[in-house]
Amino acid sequence: MIDRTGLTGYYDFTLSFLPELPPGFDKEKLPPEMLARPSLFDAVRSQLGLKLEATKGPVEYYVVEHIQKPEAN
């Protein structure tokens, strides 16, 4: 995620949204008030006034070259 808001500092907020559900999950099992929640993208826009955009930019990544189980102490 690349922050292009220009905002500084820390903010405390509560965001209400319907989470992405796993494939095959029966939405009818959820309570009606949860089904009425917006998607994450719509919630960020309507509740925080921010817009999430897909874009390309620099990405930090790590390469694991070797891994082994630790030895017993």
N, C-alpha and C. Protein backbone atom coordinates (compact mmCIF):
# COMPACT_ATOMS: atom_id res chain seq x y z
N MET A 1 0.84 -1.15 0.00
CA MET A 1 0.00 0.00 0.00
C MET A 1 0.90 1.23 0.00
N ILE A 2 0.58 2.16 -0.84
CA ILE A 2 1.34 3.41 -0.94
C ILE A 2 0.44 4.53 -0.44
N ASP A 3 0.90 5.26 0.56
CA ASP A 3 0.12 6.35 1.14
C ASP A 3 0.38 7.63 0.35
N ARG A 4 -0.63 8.10 -0.33
CA ARG A 4 -0.53 9.34 -1.09
C ARG A 4 -1.50 10.39 -0.56
N THR A 5 -1.94 10.24 0.69
CA THR A 5 -2.92 11.16 1.25
C THR A 5 -2.32 12.51 1.63
N GLY A 6 -1.03 12.50 1.99
CA GLY A 6 -0.42 13.73 2.48
C GLY A 6 -0.73 13.98 3.95
N LEU A 7 -1.48 13.07 4.57
CA LEU A 7 -1.80 13.21 5.99
C LEU A 7 -0.64 12.73 6.84
N THR A 8 -0.43 13.38 7.97
CA THR A 8 0.62 12.97 8.89
C THR A 8 -0.02 12.63 10.23
N GLY A 9 0.66 11.90 11.04
CA GLY A 9 0.15 11.55 12.35
C GLY A 9 -0.56 10.22 12.35
N TYR A 10 -1.15 9.90 13.49
CA TYR A 10 -1.85 8.64 13.65
C TYR A 10 -3.33 8.94 13.88
N TYR A 11 -4.19 8.05 13.41
CA TYR A 11 -5.63 8.24 13.51
C TYR A 11 -6.26 6.99 14.07
N ASP A 12 -7.28 7.16 14.88
CA ASP A 12 -8.02 6.06 15.47
C ASP A 12 -9.44 6.13 14.92
N PHE A 13 -9.88 5.06 14.27
CA PHE A 13 -11.22 5.05 13.69
C PHE A 13 -11.76 3.63 13.69
N THR A 14 -13.06 3.52 13.53
CA THR A 14 -13.73 2.24 13.42
C THR A 14 -14.36 2.18 12.04
N LEU A 15 -14.08 1.12 11.33
CA LEU A 15 -14.59 0.95 9.97
C LEU A 15 -15.53 -0.25 9.96
N SER A 16 -16.74 -0.05 9.48
CA SER A 16 -17.73 -1.13 9.43
C SER A 16 -17.91 -1.56 7.98
N PHE A 17 -17.60 -2.84 7.68
CA PHE A 17 -17.73 -3.34 6.31
C PHE A 17 -17.98 -4.83 6.33
N LEU A 18 -18.45 -5.35 5.22
CA LEU A 18 -18.65 -6.79 5.05
C LEU A 18 -17.35 -7.38 4.55
N PRO A 19 -16.72 -8.29 5.33
CA PRO A 19 -15.45 -8.85 4.88
C PRO A 19 -15.62 -9.74 3.66
N GLU A 20 -14.53 -9.91 2.95
CA GLU A 20 -14.51 -10.83 1.80
C GLU A 20 -14.72 -12.24 2.34
N LEU A 21 -15.71 -12.92 1.82
CA LEU A 21 -16.05 -14.26 2.31
C LEU A 21 -15.39 -15.33 1.46
N PRO A 22 -15.05 -16.46 2.08
CA PRO A 22 -14.41 -17.53 1.31
C PRO A 22 -15.35 -18.11 0.26
N PRO A 23 -14.80 -18.64 -0.83
CA PRO A 23 -15.64 -19.22 -1.88
C PRO A 23 -16.53 -20.32 -1.30
N GLY A 24 -17.78 -20.31 -1.72
CA GLY A 24 -18.72 -21.33 -1.28
C GLY A 24 -19.38 -21.04 0.05
N PHE A 25 -19.01 -19.92 0.71
CA PHE A 25 -19.62 -19.59 1.99
C PHE A 25 -21.05 -19.14 1.76
N ASP A 26 -21.97 -19.66 2.55
CA ASP A 26 -23.39 -19.32 2.42
C ASP A 26 -23.67 -18.02 3.16
N LYS A 27 -23.90 -16.94 2.41
CA LYS A 27 -24.15 -15.63 3.01
C LYS A 27 -25.42 -15.62 3.85
N GLU A 28 -26.32 -16.55 3.59
CA GLU A 28 -27.57 -16.62 4.35
C GLU A 28 -27.32 -16.95 5.82
N LYS A 29 -26.15 -17.47 6.15
CA LYS A 29 -25.81 -17.80 7.53
C LYS A 29 -25.43 -16.55 8.34
N LEU A 30 -25.20 -15.43 7.65
CA LEU A 30 -24.83 -14.20 8.34
C LEU A 30 -26.07 -13.46 8.83
N PRO A 31 -25.94 -12.71 9.92
CA PRO A 31 -27.07 -11.91 10.38
C PRO A 31 -27.40 -10.80 9.38
N PRO A 32 -28.67 -10.41 9.26
CA PRO A 32 -29.06 -9.39 8.27
C PRO A 32 -28.30 -8.08 8.41
N GLU A 33 -28.00 -7.65 9.65
CA GLU A 33 -27.28 -6.38 9.82
C GLU A 33 -25.87 -6.44 9.26
N MET A 34 -25.28 -7.62 9.22
CA MET A 34 -23.95 -7.77 8.63
C MET A 34 -24.03 -7.73 7.11
N LEU A 35 -25.07 -8.32 6.55
CA LEU A 35 -25.24 -8.30 5.10
C LEU A 35 -25.48 -6.90 4.56
N ALA A 36 -25.99 -6.01 5.41
CA ALA A 36 -26.27 -4.64 4.98
C ALA A 36 -25.01 -3.78 4.93
N ARG A 37 -23.89 -4.28 5.42
CA ARG A 37 -22.65 -3.51 5.43
C ARG A 37 -22.08 -3.39 4.02
N PRO A 38 -21.37 -2.28 3.74
CA PRO A 38 -20.76 -2.10 2.42
C PRO A 38 -19.48 -2.91 2.29
N SER A 39 -18.97 -2.99 1.06
CA SER A 39 -17.68 -3.63 0.82
C SER A 39 -16.59 -2.77 1.45
N LEU A 40 -15.40 -3.32 1.58
CA LEU A 40 -14.27 -2.58 2.15
C LEU A 40 -14.02 -1.29 1.37
N PHE A 41 -14.00 -1.38 0.05
CA PHE A 41 -13.71 -0.22 -0.79
C PHE A 41 -14.76 0.87 -0.62
N ASP A 42 -16.04 0.48 -0.58
CA ASP A 42 -17.11 1.46 -0.39
C ASP A 42 -17.08 2.05 1.02
N ALA A 43 -16.74 1.23 2.03
CA ALA A 43 -16.68 1.72 3.41
C ALA A 43 -15.56 2.74 3.58
N VAL A 44 -14.41 2.49 3.00
CA VAL A 44 -13.29 3.44 3.10
C VAL A 44 -13.69 4.77 2.46
N ARG A 45 -14.38 4.70 1.34
CA ARG A 45 -14.79 5.92 0.65
C ARG A 45 -15.86 6.67 1.44
N SER A 46 -16.92 5.97 1.86
CA SER A 46 -18.04 6.66 2.51
C SER A 46 -17.78 7.02 3.97
N GLN A 47 -17.03 6.19 4.70
CA GLN A 47 -16.84 6.43 6.12
C GLN A 47 -15.59 7.24 6.43
N LEU A 48 -14.58 7.15 5.58
CA LEU A 48 -13.32 7.87 5.83
C LEU A 48 -13.04 8.96 4.82
N GLY A 49 -13.76 8.95 3.71
CA GLY A 49 -13.52 9.95 2.68
C GLY A 49 -12.26 9.69 1.89
N LEU A 50 -11.79 8.45 1.87
CA LEU A 50 -10.58 8.08 1.14
C LEU A 50 -10.95 7.14 0.00
N LYS A 51 -10.11 7.09 -1.01
CA LYS A 51 -10.35 6.22 -2.16
C LYS A 51 -9.15 5.29 -2.33
N LEU A 52 -9.43 4.00 -2.45
CA LEU A 52 -8.37 3.03 -2.70
C LEU A 52 -8.25 2.83 -4.20
N GLU A 53 -7.06 2.97 -4.73
CA GLU A 53 -6.82 2.80 -6.16
C GLU A 53 -5.74 1.75 -6.39
N ALA A 54 -5.98 0.91 -7.38
CA ALA A 54 -4.94 -0.04 -7.80
C ALA A 54 -3.94 0.71 -8.65
N THR A 55 -2.67 0.59 -8.31
CA THR A 55 -1.62 1.27 -9.07
C THR A 55 -0.33 0.49 -8.92
N LYS A 56 0.62 0.81 -9.74
CA LYS A 56 1.94 0.17 -9.65
C LYS A 56 2.89 1.13 -8.95
N GLY A 57 3.78 0.55 -8.15
CA GLY A 57 4.75 1.36 -7.44
C GLY A 57 5.83 0.48 -6.89
N PRO A 58 6.78 1.06 -6.17
CA PRO A 58 7.87 0.26 -5.60
C PRO A 58 7.32 -0.70 -4.54
N VAL A 59 7.88 -1.88 -4.53
CA VAL A 59 7.45 -2.91 -3.59
C VAL A 59 8.66 -3.47 -2.88
N GLU A 60 8.58 -3.56 -1.55
CA GLU A 60 9.65 -4.17 -0.79
C GLU A 60 9.37 -5.66 -0.68
N TYR A 61 10.36 -6.48 -0.93
CA TYR A 61 10.17 -7.92 -0.85
C TYR A 61 11.43 -8.57 -0.31
N TYR A 62 11.27 -9.80 0.16
CA TYR A 62 12.38 -10.55 0.74
C TYR A 62 12.54 -11.86 0.00
N VAL A 63 13.77 -12.31 -0.13
CA VAL A 63 14.07 -13.59 -0.77
C VAL A 63 14.65 -14.51 0.30
N VAL A 64 14.00 -15.64 0.51
CA VAL A 64 14.50 -16.64 1.46
C VAL A 64 15.35 -17.61 0.66
N GLU A 65 16.64 -17.62 0.96
CA GLU A 65 17.56 -18.47 0.21
C GLU A 65 17.78 -19.83 0.85
N HIS A 66 17.52 -19.93 2.14
CA HIS A 66 17.76 -21.18 2.83
C HIS A 66 16.89 -21.24 4.08
N ILE A 67 16.40 -22.44 4.39
CA ILE A 67 15.61 -22.63 5.61
C ILE A 67 15.86 -24.04 6.13
N GLN A 68 15.92 -24.14 7.45
CA GLN A 68 16.09 -25.47 8.04
C GLN A 68 15.46 -25.44 9.43
N LYS A 69 15.10 -26.64 9.93
CA LYS A 69 14.52 -26.74 11.25
C LYS A 69 15.59 -26.44 12.30
N PRO A 70 15.19 -25.75 13.38
CA PRO A 70 16.17 -25.49 14.43
C PRO A 70 16.54 -26.78 15.16
N GLU A 71 17.75 -26.81 15.68
CA GLU A 71 18.20 -27.95 16.46
C GLU A 71 17.65 -27.87 17.87
N ALA A 72 17.45 -29.04 18.50
CA ALA A 72 16.96 -29.08 19.88
C ALA A 72 18.02 -28.50 20.82
N ASN A 73 17.59 -27.83 21.86
CA ASN A 73 18.54 -27.25 22.84
C ASN A 73 19.08 -28.31 23.76
